[in-house]
Amino acid sequence: MSDTQDTPTPAETAAAEAQNGAHAGAKPGTDTATPPTDAERIAALEAELAQMRDKWLRAEADMQNLRTRTKREIEDARLYAVQKFARDVVETAENLRRGLDSLPPAADDEPELLAKLRGGFDSVERAFVTMLERHGIAKVDAQGQQFDPELHQAMAEQPAPEGTTPGTVIQAWTPAWTLHGRLLKPAMVVVAGK
């Protein structure tokens, strides 16, 4: 064996001397360290209890925050999971409206077939929009409303007509659509300028 392995370190030597000195010089039945008093032990235990209580309360608060955040994320995922599909369905609703708007205006002397087709398509559109609303998809008309960048996308600005406040939507090319209150598709609008 080498000398470095057999030779104790200075720290080991000091610890051994302190232990031997304590045992050699100690009288039988006496202890060199004074035991803590009951009051000191109680104070130490109370401090440890307060520390553990603080850790427990913090852990409980963290868990409650985690539960709340997880619940909110699950609810958002449930409500908005169909967002891409809903956007596509809204396009279909807008195309149906464009088709109805392209029909000639109703006239007294129009053929009965055209009147029935117009009535049938109007009924289909109403039923379709009602079905969308049942599933949280709402149509928000922009015409005449104050411009709201949260709901509207300005496509053009025109001088304000007489009696119209600047910043008012004077023409809506498409309505805004929301899914459970969250914007799905903004309205394409023309805004009144100054």
N, C-alpha and C. Protein backbone atom coordinates (compact mmCIF):
# COMPACT_ATOMS: atom_id res chain seq x y z
N MET A 1 0.83 -1.20 0.00
CA MET A 1 0.00 0.00 0.00
C MET A 1 0.87 1.25 0.00
N SER A 2 0.34 2.32 -0.51
CA SER A 2 1.12 3.55 -0.56
C SER A 2 0.98 4.30 0.74
N ASP A 3 1.88 5.24 0.93
CA ASP A 3 1.87 6.02 2.17
C ASP A 3 0.68 6.95 2.23
N THR A 4 0.20 7.40 1.10
CA THR A 4 -0.93 8.34 1.09
C THR A 4 -2.22 7.67 1.52
N GLN A 5 -2.34 6.38 1.28
CA GLN A 5 -3.57 5.71 1.68
C GLN A 5 -3.56 5.40 3.16
N ASP A 6 -2.40 5.16 3.77
CA ASP A 6 -2.33 4.81 5.19
C ASP A 6 -2.31 6.04 6.07
N THR A 7 -1.93 7.17 5.56
CA THR A 7 -1.81 8.38 6.36
C THR A 7 -3.17 9.08 6.43
N PRO A 8 -3.67 9.32 7.65
CA PRO A 8 -4.96 10.03 7.75
C PRO A 8 -4.81 11.49 7.34
N THR A 9 -5.90 12.04 6.85
CA THR A 9 -5.90 13.45 6.46
C THR A 9 -5.93 14.30 7.71
N PRO A 10 -5.56 15.58 7.59
CA PRO A 10 -5.59 16.46 8.77
C PRO A 10 -6.99 16.57 9.37
N ALA A 11 -8.02 16.55 8.55
CA ALA A 11 -9.38 16.64 9.08
C ALA A 11 -9.73 15.39 9.87
N GLU A 12 -9.31 14.22 9.37
CA GLU A 12 -9.58 12.98 10.10
C GLU A 12 -8.82 12.95 11.42
N THR A 13 -7.59 13.45 11.41
CA THR A 13 -6.79 13.49 12.65
C THR A 13 -7.46 14.39 13.68
N ALA A 14 -7.91 15.56 13.27
CA ALA A 14 -8.54 16.50 14.20
C ALA A 14 -9.83 15.92 14.77
N ALA A 15 -10.61 15.25 13.93
CA ALA A 15 -11.86 14.65 14.40
C ALA A 15 -11.58 13.54 15.40
N ALA A 16 -10.55 12.72 15.14
CA ALA A 16 -10.21 11.63 16.06
C ALA A 16 -9.72 12.17 17.38
N GLU A 17 -8.90 13.22 17.36
CA GLU A 17 -8.40 13.81 18.62
C GLU A 17 -9.53 14.40 19.43
N ALA A 18 -10.45 15.06 18.76
CA ALA A 18 -11.58 15.67 19.47
C ALA A 18 -12.43 14.59 20.12
N GLN A 19 -12.62 13.49 19.42
CA GLN A 19 -13.43 12.40 19.98
C GLN A 19 -12.70 11.74 21.15
N ASN A 20 -11.42 11.47 20.99
CA ASN A 20 -10.64 10.85 22.06
C ASN A 20 -10.53 11.77 23.25
N GLY A 21 -10.34 13.05 23.00
CA GLY A 21 -10.23 14.00 24.10
C GLY A 21 -11.53 14.10 24.87
N ALA A 22 -12.64 14.04 24.18
CA ALA A 22 -13.93 14.13 24.85
C ALA A 22 -14.16 12.90 25.71
N HIS A 23 -13.76 11.71 25.24
CA HIS A 23 -13.98 10.50 26.00
C HIS A 23 -12.95 10.33 27.12
N ALA A 24 -11.70 10.75 26.85
CA ALA A 24 -10.64 10.57 27.84
C ALA A 24 -10.82 11.50 29.01
N GLY A 25 -11.18 12.75 28.72
CA GLY A 25 -11.28 13.72 29.81
C GLY A 25 -12.63 13.75 30.47
N ALA A 26 -13.56 13.04 29.97
CA ALA A 26 -14.92 13.10 30.51
C ALA A 26 -15.03 12.20 31.72
N LYS A 27 -15.76 12.67 32.66
CA LYS A 27 -16.01 11.89 33.86
C LYS A 27 -17.15 10.93 33.57
N PRO A 28 -17.12 9.75 34.18
CA PRO A 28 -18.22 8.83 33.95
C PRO A 28 -19.54 9.45 34.37
N GLY A 29 -20.56 9.30 33.49
CA GLY A 29 -21.92 9.78 33.81
C GLY A 29 -22.15 11.23 33.43
N THR A 30 -21.17 11.91 32.88
CA THR A 30 -21.38 13.31 32.48
C THR A 30 -21.24 13.41 30.98
N ASP A 31 -21.89 14.37 30.40
CA ASP A 31 -21.86 14.59 28.95
C ASP A 31 -21.34 16.00 28.74
N THR A 32 -20.45 16.18 27.78
CA THR A 32 -19.85 17.49 27.58
C THR A 32 -20.82 18.47 26.94
N ALA A 33 -21.71 18.03 26.05
CA ALA A 33 -22.69 18.91 25.42
C ALA A 33 -23.91 18.99 26.32
N THR A 34 -24.39 20.21 26.53
CA THR A 34 -25.58 20.36 27.37
C THR A 34 -26.81 20.08 26.52
N PRO A 35 -27.70 19.24 27.00
CA PRO A 35 -28.91 18.95 26.21
C PRO A 35 -29.80 20.18 26.16
N PRO A 36 -30.56 20.33 25.04
CA PRO A 36 -31.44 21.50 24.96
C PRO A 36 -32.54 21.41 26.01
N THR A 37 -32.97 22.57 26.45
CA THR A 37 -34.06 22.61 27.42
C THR A 37 -35.36 22.30 26.70
N ASP A 38 -36.38 22.03 27.49
CA ASP A 38 -37.69 21.73 26.89
C ASP A 38 -38.19 22.91 26.06
N ALA A 39 -37.98 24.12 26.54
CA ALA A 39 -38.43 25.31 25.82
C ALA A 39 -37.71 25.44 24.48
N GLU A 40 -36.39 25.14 24.48
CA GLU A 40 -35.63 25.21 23.23
C GLU A 40 -36.11 24.15 22.25
N ARG A 41 -36.38 22.95 22.74
CA ARG A 41 -36.87 21.88 21.87
C ARG A 41 -38.24 22.23 21.29
N ILE A 42 -39.10 22.79 22.15
CA ILE A 42 -40.44 23.19 21.68
C ILE A 42 -40.33 24.29 20.63
N ALA A 43 -39.45 25.27 20.87
CA ALA A 43 -39.27 26.36 19.91
C ALA A 43 -38.73 25.83 18.59
N ALA A 44 -37.79 24.89 18.64
CA ALA A 44 -37.24 24.31 17.42
C ALA A 44 -38.31 23.52 16.67
N LEU A 45 -39.12 22.76 17.40
CA LEU A 45 -40.18 21.99 16.76
C LEU A 45 -41.26 22.90 16.16
N GLU A 46 -41.58 23.99 16.88
CA GLU A 46 -42.57 24.94 16.35
C GLU A 46 -42.04 25.62 15.08
N ALA A 47 -40.75 25.95 15.06
CA ALA A 47 -40.17 26.55 13.86
C ALA A 47 -40.20 25.56 12.70
N GLU A 48 -39.89 24.30 12.98
CA GLU A 48 -39.94 23.27 11.94
C GLU A 48 -41.37 23.06 11.45
N LEU A 49 -42.33 23.09 12.39
CA LEU A 49 -43.74 22.95 12.02
C LEU A 49 -44.18 24.12 11.13
N ALA A 50 -43.76 25.34 11.49
CA ALA A 50 -44.14 26.51 10.68
C ALA A 50 -43.54 26.40 9.28
N GLN A 51 -42.31 25.92 9.20
CA GLN A 51 -41.66 25.75 7.90
C GLN A 51 -42.38 24.69 7.06
N MET A 52 -42.74 23.58 7.68
CA MET A 52 -43.44 22.52 6.96
C MET A 52 -44.84 22.97 6.54
N ARG A 53 -45.51 23.73 7.40
CA ARG A 53 -46.85 24.25 7.07
C ARG A 53 -46.76 25.19 5.87
N ASP A 54 -45.73 26.05 5.86
CA ASP A 54 -45.55 26.97 4.74
C ASP A 54 -45.32 26.19 3.45
N LYS A 55 -44.47 25.16 3.50
CA LYS A 55 -44.22 24.33 2.31
C LYS A 55 -45.51 23.64 1.86
N TRP A 56 -46.29 23.13 2.80
CA TRP A 56 -47.54 22.45 2.48
C TRP A 56 -48.53 23.42 1.82
N LEU A 57 -48.67 24.64 2.40
CA LEU A 57 -49.60 25.62 1.84
C LEU A 57 -49.17 26.03 0.43
N ARG A 58 -47.89 26.19 0.21
CA ARG A 58 -47.40 26.54 -1.12
C ARG A 58 -47.68 25.40 -2.11
N ALA A 59 -47.46 24.17 -1.68
CA ALA A 59 -47.73 23.02 -2.55
C ALA A 59 -49.22 22.94 -2.88
N GLU A 60 -50.08 23.18 -1.88
CA GLU A 60 -51.53 23.17 -2.12
C GLU A 60 -51.94 24.27 -3.09
N ALA A 61 -51.36 25.46 -2.94
CA ALA A 61 -51.67 26.56 -3.85
C ALA A 61 -51.21 26.23 -5.27
N ASP A 62 -50.02 25.66 -5.39
CA ASP A 62 -49.53 25.25 -6.71
C ASP A 62 -50.45 24.21 -7.35
N MET A 63 -50.90 23.25 -6.57
CA MET A 63 -51.80 22.22 -7.11
C MET A 63 -53.13 22.82 -7.53
N GLN A 64 -53.66 23.76 -6.73
CA GLN A 64 -54.93 24.40 -7.10
C GLN A 64 -54.78 25.18 -8.39
N ASN A 65 -53.65 25.91 -8.53
CA ASN A 65 -53.39 26.65 -9.77
C ASN A 65 -53.28 25.70 -10.96
N LEU A 66 -52.62 24.58 -10.75
CA LEU A 66 -52.48 23.59 -11.82
C LEU A 66 -53.83 23.01 -12.22
N ARG A 67 -54.67 22.69 -11.22
CA ARG A 67 -56.00 22.16 -11.53
C ARG A 67 -56.83 23.19 -12.30
N THR A 68 -56.78 24.46 -11.87
CA THR A 68 -57.54 25.51 -12.54
C THR A 68 -57.06 25.71 -13.97
N ARG A 69 -55.75 25.77 -14.15
CA ARG A 69 -55.19 25.96 -15.49
C ARG A 69 -55.53 24.78 -16.40
N THR A 70 -55.42 23.56 -15.87
CA THR A 70 -55.72 22.38 -16.66
C THR A 70 -57.19 22.35 -17.05
N LYS A 71 -58.06 22.69 -16.11
CA LYS A 71 -59.50 22.72 -16.40
C LYS A 71 -59.81 23.74 -17.50
N ARG A 72 -59.17 24.92 -17.42
CA ARG A 72 -59.40 25.96 -18.42
C ARG A 72 -58.88 25.50 -19.79
N GLU A 73 -57.70 24.85 -19.81
CA GLU A 73 -57.14 24.37 -21.08
C GLU A 73 -58.02 23.28 -21.69
N ILE A 74 -58.57 22.41 -20.87
CA ILE A 74 -59.45 21.35 -21.38
C ILE A 74 -60.73 21.97 -21.93
N GLU A 75 -61.27 22.95 -21.22
CA GLU A 75 -62.50 23.61 -21.68
C GLU A 75 -62.25 24.34 -23.00
N ASP A 76 -61.11 25.03 -23.10
CA ASP A 76 -60.78 25.72 -24.36
C ASP A 76 -60.61 24.72 -25.49
N ALA A 77 -59.95 23.61 -25.21
CA ALA A 77 -59.76 22.59 -26.24
C ALA A 77 -61.10 22.04 -26.70
N ARG A 78 -62.02 21.84 -25.76
CA ARG A 78 -63.34 21.32 -26.11
C ARG A 78 -64.12 22.34 -26.94
N LEU A 79 -64.08 23.60 -26.53
CA LEU A 79 -64.86 24.63 -27.22
C LEU A 79 -64.29 24.98 -28.60
N TYR A 80 -62.96 25.02 -28.70
CA TYR A 80 -62.35 25.56 -29.91
C TYR A 80 -61.66 24.51 -30.78
N ALA A 81 -61.86 23.24 -30.48
CA ALA A 81 -61.23 22.18 -31.28
C ALA A 81 -61.74 22.18 -32.71
N VAL A 82 -62.96 22.64 -32.91
CA VAL A 82 -63.57 22.61 -34.24
C VAL A 82 -63.39 23.93 -34.99
N GLN A 83 -62.46 24.75 -34.55
CA GLN A 83 -62.31 26.08 -35.11
C GLN A 83 -62.03 26.05 -36.62
N LYS A 84 -61.13 25.19 -37.05
CA LYS A 84 -60.80 25.13 -38.47
C LYS A 84 -62.01 24.65 -39.29
N PHE A 85 -62.70 23.64 -38.78
CA PHE A 85 -63.91 23.14 -39.45
C PHE A 85 -64.97 24.24 -39.49
N ALA A 86 -65.14 24.95 -38.38
CA ALA A 86 -66.16 26.00 -38.32
C ALA A 86 -65.86 27.11 -39.32
N ARG A 87 -64.59 27.44 -39.50
CA ARG A 87 -64.22 28.47 -40.47
C ARG A 87 -64.62 28.04 -41.88
N ASP A 88 -64.43 26.76 -42.19
CA ASP A 88 -64.83 26.25 -43.50
C ASP A 88 -66.34 26.25 -43.68
N VAL A 89 -67.06 25.90 -42.64
CA VAL A 89 -68.53 25.88 -42.70
C VAL A 89 -69.07 27.29 -42.88
N VAL A 90 -68.42 28.26 -42.24
CA VAL A 90 -68.84 29.66 -42.38
C VAL A 90 -68.69 30.12 -43.83
N GLU A 91 -67.63 29.65 -44.50
CA GLU A 91 -67.46 29.97 -45.92
C GLU A 91 -68.66 29.48 -46.73
N THR A 92 -69.15 28.30 -46.38
CA THR A 92 -70.31 27.74 -47.07
C THR A 92 -71.55 28.61 -46.84
N ALA A 93 -71.72 29.08 -45.59
CA ALA A 93 -72.86 29.95 -45.29
C ALA A 93 -72.77 31.24 -46.09
N GLU A 94 -71.57 31.80 -46.20
CA GLU A 94 -71.41 33.04 -46.97
C GLU A 94 -71.66 32.80 -48.47
N ASN A 95 -71.22 31.65 -48.97
CA ASN A 95 -71.47 31.34 -50.38
C ASN A 95 -72.96 31.16 -50.66
N LEU A 96 -73.68 30.56 -49.73
CA LEU A 96 -75.13 30.41 -49.87
C LEU A 96 -75.79 31.79 -49.94
N ARG A 97 -75.34 32.71 -49.07
CA ARG A 97 -75.89 34.07 -49.08
C ARG A 97 -75.57 34.77 -50.40
N ARG A 98 -74.35 34.60 -50.91
CA ARG A 98 -73.98 35.22 -52.20
C ARG A 98 -74.87 34.68 -53.32
N GLY A 99 -75.14 33.37 -53.28
CA GLY A 99 -76.03 32.78 -54.29
C GLY A 99 -77.42 33.36 -54.23
N LEU A 100 -77.95 33.54 -53.01
CA LEU A 100 -79.28 34.13 -52.87
C LEU A 100 -79.30 35.59 -53.33
N ASP A 101 -78.21 36.33 -53.03
CA ASP A 101 -78.14 37.74 -53.45
C ASP A 101 -78.03 37.87 -54.97
N SER A 102 -77.53 36.84 -55.63
CA SER A 102 -77.37 36.92 -57.08
C SER A 102 -78.68 36.67 -57.84
N LEU A 103 -79.69 36.15 -57.15
CA LEU A 103 -81.00 35.94 -57.79
C LEU A 103 -81.63 37.30 -58.10
N PRO A 104 -82.42 37.38 -59.15
CA PRO A 104 -83.08 38.65 -59.44
C PRO A 104 -84.08 38.98 -58.32
N PRO A 105 -84.30 40.26 -58.09
CA PRO A 105 -85.25 40.63 -57.05
C PRO A 105 -86.65 40.08 -57.34
N ALA A 106 -87.38 39.83 -56.26
CA ALA A 106 -88.73 39.28 -56.41
C ALA A 106 -89.62 40.27 -57.15
N ALA A 107 -90.41 39.76 -58.07
CA ALA A 107 -91.35 40.60 -58.84
C ALA A 107 -92.70 39.88 -58.87
N ASP A 108 -93.76 40.66 -59.08
CA ASP A 108 -95.10 40.09 -59.09
C ASP A 108 -95.32 39.16 -60.28
N ASP A 109 -94.68 39.47 -61.41
CA ASP A 109 -94.92 38.67 -62.61
C ASP A 109 -93.84 37.59 -62.85
N GLU A 110 -93.04 37.27 -61.83
CA GLU A 110 -92.00 36.26 -62.03
C GLU A 110 -92.61 34.86 -62.05
N PRO A 111 -91.92 33.93 -62.67
CA PRO A 111 -92.44 32.56 -62.73
C PRO A 111 -92.54 31.96 -61.33
N GLU A 112 -93.54 31.11 -61.18
CA GLU A 112 -93.79 30.49 -59.87
C GLU A 112 -92.60 29.64 -59.43
N LEU A 113 -91.93 29.01 -60.36
CA LEU A 113 -90.77 28.18 -60.04
C LEU A 113 -89.66 29.00 -59.39
N LEU A 114 -89.38 30.18 -59.91
CA LEU A 114 -88.34 31.05 -59.36
C LEU A 114 -88.70 31.49 -57.94
N ALA A 115 -89.97 31.81 -57.73
CA ALA A 115 -90.41 32.21 -56.38
C ALA A 115 -90.25 31.07 -55.39
N LYS A 116 -90.57 29.84 -55.82
CA LYS A 116 -90.42 28.68 -54.94
C LYS A 116 -88.95 28.40 -54.65
N LEU A 117 -88.10 28.51 -55.68
CA LEU A 117 -86.66 28.30 -55.47
C LEU A 117 -86.10 29.31 -54.48
N ARG A 118 -86.45 30.59 -54.66
CA ARG A 118 -85.98 31.63 -53.76
C ARG A 118 -86.45 31.34 -52.34
N GLY A 119 -87.71 30.97 -52.16
CA GLY A 119 -88.25 30.65 -50.83
C GLY A 119 -87.56 29.44 -50.22
N GLY A 120 -87.31 28.43 -51.04
CA GLY A 120 -86.64 27.23 -50.54
C GLY A 120 -85.21 27.52 -50.09
N PHE A 121 -84.48 28.30 -50.91
CA PHE A 121 -83.09 28.63 -50.54
C PHE A 121 -83.04 29.52 -49.31
N ASP A 122 -84.03 30.43 -49.19
CA ASP A 122 -84.10 31.27 -47.97
C ASP A 122 -84.31 30.39 -46.74
N SER A 123 -85.19 29.40 -46.86
CA SER A 123 -85.44 28.49 -45.74
C SER A 123 -84.20 27.67 -45.39
N VAL A 124 -83.49 27.21 -46.40
CA VAL A 124 -82.25 26.44 -46.16
C VAL A 124 -81.23 27.32 -45.45
N GLU A 125 -81.10 28.57 -45.90
CA GLU A 125 -80.13 29.46 -45.26
C GLU A 125 -80.50 29.72 -43.79
N ARG A 126 -81.76 29.99 -43.50
CA ARG A 126 -82.19 30.23 -42.12
C ARG A 126 -81.92 29.01 -41.25
N ALA A 127 -82.23 27.82 -41.74
CA ALA A 127 -81.99 26.59 -40.99
C ALA A 127 -80.49 26.37 -40.76
N PHE A 128 -79.70 26.67 -41.78
CA PHE A 128 -78.25 26.48 -41.69
C PHE A 128 -77.65 27.42 -40.64
N VAL A 129 -78.04 28.68 -40.67
CA VAL A 129 -77.52 29.66 -39.70
C VAL A 129 -77.99 29.31 -38.28
N THR A 130 -79.23 28.84 -38.15
CA THR A 130 -79.74 28.42 -36.84
C THR A 130 -78.94 27.24 -36.31
N MET A 131 -78.61 26.30 -37.17
CA MET A 131 -77.79 25.15 -36.76
C MET A 131 -76.40 25.62 -36.31
N LEU A 132 -75.82 26.57 -37.03
CA LEU A 132 -74.51 27.10 -36.63
C LEU A 132 -74.59 27.75 -35.25
N GLU A 133 -75.64 28.52 -35.02
CA GLU A 133 -75.81 29.19 -33.72
C GLU A 133 -75.98 28.18 -32.58
N ARG A 134 -76.64 27.06 -32.85
CA ARG A 134 -76.78 26.01 -31.83
C ARG A 134 -75.43 25.46 -31.40
N HIS A 135 -74.47 25.52 -32.30
CA HIS A 135 -73.13 24.98 -32.01
C HIS A 135 -72.12 26.08 -31.66
N GLY A 136 -72.61 27.27 -31.33
CA GLY A 136 -71.75 28.34 -30.84
C GLY A 136 -71.16 29.23 -31.90
N ILE A 137 -71.57 29.08 -33.14
CA ILE A 137 -71.05 29.92 -34.23
C ILE A 137 -72.08 31.03 -34.46
N ALA A 138 -71.65 32.26 -34.24
CA ALA A 138 -72.59 33.39 -34.35
C ALA A 138 -72.16 34.33 -35.48
N LYS A 139 -73.15 34.84 -36.17
CA LYS A 139 -72.95 35.83 -37.25
C LYS A 139 -73.14 37.21 -36.62
N VAL A 140 -72.17 38.10 -36.84
CA VAL A 140 -72.23 39.46 -36.29
C VAL A 140 -72.25 40.43 -37.44
N ASP A 141 -73.40 41.08 -37.65
CA ASP A 141 -73.53 42.04 -38.74
C ASP A 141 -72.77 43.32 -38.39
N ALA A 142 -72.05 43.85 -39.37
CA ALA A 142 -71.19 45.01 -39.14
C ALA A 142 -71.80 46.30 -39.66
N GLN A 143 -72.74 46.20 -40.57
CA GLN A 143 -73.32 47.39 -41.21
C GLN A 143 -73.84 48.37 -40.17
N GLY A 144 -73.36 49.63 -40.24
CA GLY A 144 -73.84 50.69 -39.35
C GLY A 144 -73.18 50.68 -37.97
N GLN A 145 -72.32 49.74 -37.69
CA GLN A 145 -71.64 49.67 -36.39
C GLN A 145 -70.37 50.52 -36.42
N GLN A 146 -69.91 50.88 -35.25
CA GLN A 146 -68.63 51.57 -35.14
C GLN A 146 -67.52 50.57 -35.47
N PHE A 147 -66.49 50.99 -36.20
CA PHE A 147 -65.41 50.09 -36.58
C PHE A 147 -64.74 49.53 -35.33
N ASP A 148 -64.61 48.22 -35.28
CA ASP A 148 -63.98 47.52 -34.16
C ASP A 148 -62.90 46.60 -34.73
N PRO A 149 -61.62 46.93 -34.47
CA PRO A 149 -60.55 46.10 -35.05
C PRO A 149 -60.56 44.66 -34.55
N GLU A 150 -61.28 44.40 -33.47
CA GLU A 150 -61.40 43.03 -32.97
C GLU A 150 -62.36 42.20 -33.82
N LEU A 151 -63.29 42.87 -34.53
CA LEU A 151 -64.30 42.16 -35.32
C LEU A 151 -64.26 42.47 -36.81
N HIS A 152 -63.66 43.60 -37.17
CA HIS A 152 -63.74 44.06 -38.55
C HIS A 152 -62.35 44.18 -39.19
N GLN A 153 -62.31 43.92 -40.47
CA GLN A 153 -61.11 44.16 -41.26
C GLN A 153 -61.46 45.20 -42.30
N ALA A 154 -60.84 46.38 -42.19
CA ALA A 154 -61.14 47.47 -43.12
C ALA A 154 -60.52 47.17 -44.47
N MET A 155 -61.35 47.11 -45.49
CA MET A 155 -60.89 46.85 -46.84
C MET A 155 -60.74 48.16 -47.63
N ALA A 156 -61.50 49.18 -47.23
CA ALA A 156 -61.44 50.48 -47.91
C ALA A 156 -61.99 51.55 -46.96
N GLU A 157 -61.64 52.79 -47.30
CA GLU A 157 -62.17 53.92 -46.55
C GLU A 157 -62.76 54.89 -47.56
N GLN A 158 -63.96 55.38 -47.27
CA GLN A 158 -64.64 56.33 -48.16
C GLN A 158 -65.04 57.53 -47.34
N PRO A 159 -65.22 58.66 -48.00
CA PRO A 159 -65.68 59.84 -47.26
C PRO A 159 -67.03 59.55 -46.59
N ALA A 160 -67.17 60.04 -45.37
CA ALA A 160 -68.39 59.78 -44.60
C ALA A 160 -69.58 60.44 -45.27
N PRO A 161 -70.66 59.67 -45.54
CA PRO A 161 -71.89 60.27 -46.07
C PRO A 161 -72.48 61.25 -45.05
N GLU A 162 -73.34 62.09 -45.53
CA GLU A 162 -73.97 63.09 -44.66
C GLU A 162 -74.67 62.42 -43.48
N GLY A 163 -74.39 62.87 -42.28
CA GLY A 163 -75.04 62.34 -41.09
C GLY A 163 -74.39 61.07 -40.53
N THR A 164 -73.26 60.66 -41.10
CA THR A 164 -72.57 59.46 -40.63
C THR A 164 -71.31 59.86 -39.89
N THR A 165 -71.12 59.29 -38.75
CA THR A 165 -69.93 59.57 -37.94
C THR A 165 -68.71 58.90 -38.55
N PRO A 166 -67.59 59.61 -38.64
CA PRO A 166 -66.37 58.95 -39.13
C PRO A 166 -66.03 57.73 -38.26
N GLY A 167 -65.55 56.67 -38.90
CA GLY A 167 -65.23 55.44 -38.17
C GLY A 167 -66.38 54.45 -38.14
N THR A 168 -67.49 54.80 -38.78
CA THR A 168 -68.64 53.91 -38.85
C THR A 168 -68.51 53.01 -40.08
N VAL A 169 -68.96 51.78 -39.94
CA VAL A 169 -68.96 50.86 -41.08
C VAL A 169 -70.12 51.24 -41.99
N ILE A 170 -69.79 51.67 -43.23
CA ILE A 170 -70.86 52.09 -44.14
C ILE A 170 -71.24 50.98 -45.11
N GLN A 171 -70.38 49.98 -45.24
CA GLN A 171 -70.71 48.85 -46.10
C GLN A 171 -69.96 47.62 -45.57
N ALA A 172 -70.68 46.50 -45.46
CA ALA A 172 -70.07 45.25 -45.03
C ALA A 172 -70.13 44.26 -46.17
N TRP A 173 -68.97 43.84 -46.66
CA TRP A 173 -68.94 42.87 -47.74
C TRP A 173 -69.27 41.49 -47.21
N THR A 174 -68.79 41.18 -46.01
CA THR A 174 -69.12 39.91 -45.34
C THR A 174 -69.35 40.20 -43.86
N PRO A 175 -70.12 39.37 -43.17
CA PRO A 175 -70.30 39.57 -41.74
C PRO A 175 -69.10 38.99 -40.96
N ALA A 176 -69.01 39.35 -39.71
CA ALA A 176 -68.02 38.73 -38.82
C ALA A 176 -68.63 37.46 -38.26
N TRP A 177 -67.81 36.47 -37.97
CA TRP A 177 -68.28 35.22 -37.39
C TRP A 177 -67.47 34.94 -36.13
N THR A 178 -68.14 34.49 -35.07
CA THR A 178 -67.45 34.14 -33.83
C THR A 178 -67.79 32.70 -33.44
N LEU A 179 -66.88 32.09 -32.72
CA LEU A 179 -67.08 30.75 -32.19
C LEU A 179 -66.99 30.85 -30.67
N HIS A 180 -68.12 30.73 -29.99
CA HIS A 180 -68.20 30.87 -28.53
C HIS A 180 -67.56 32.18 -28.08
N GLY A 181 -67.83 33.26 -28.81
CA GLY A 181 -67.33 34.57 -28.45
C GLY A 181 -65.94 34.90 -28.97
N ARG A 182 -65.23 33.93 -29.47
CA ARG A 182 -63.89 34.16 -30.03
C ARG A 182 -64.02 34.40 -31.53
N LEU A 183 -63.29 35.39 -32.05
CA LEU A 183 -63.37 35.72 -33.46
C LEU A 183 -62.94 34.54 -34.32
N LEU A 184 -63.79 34.18 -35.23
CA LEU A 184 -63.52 33.09 -36.16
C LEU A 184 -63.08 33.65 -37.51
N LYS A 185 -63.82 34.67 -37.95
CA LYS A 185 -63.53 35.31 -39.24
C LYS A 185 -64.00 36.76 -39.16
N PRO A 186 -63.09 37.71 -39.45
CA PRO A 186 -63.50 39.12 -39.36
C PRO A 186 -64.41 39.53 -40.51
N ALA A 187 -65.20 40.57 -40.27
CA ALA A 187 -66.05 41.13 -41.33
C ALA A 187 -65.18 41.98 -42.25
N MET A 188 -65.40 41.86 -43.53
CA MET A 188 -64.71 42.70 -44.52
C MET A 188 -65.58 43.92 -44.73
N VAL A 189 -65.05 45.11 -44.36
CA VAL A 189 -65.91 46.30 -44.31
C VAL A 189 -65.27 47.49 -45.01
N VAL A 190 -66.14 48.45 -45.35
CA VAL A 190 -65.74 49.77 -45.83
C VAL A 190 -66.09 50.74 -44.72
N VAL A 191 -65.11 51.57 -44.34
CA VAL A 191 -65.28 52.46 -43.19
C VAL A 191 -65.41 53.90 -43.66
N ALA A 192 -66.24 54.65 -42.94
CA ALA A 192 -66.41 56.07 -43.23
C ALA A 192 -65.19 56.84 -42.74
N GLY A 193 -64.59 57.63 -43.64
CA GLY A 193 -63.43 58.44 -43.27
C GLY A 193 -63.87 59.81 -42.80
N LYS A 194 -62.92 60.74 -42.79
CA LYS A 194 -63.23 62.12 -42.33
C LYS A 194 -63.65 63.00 -43.45
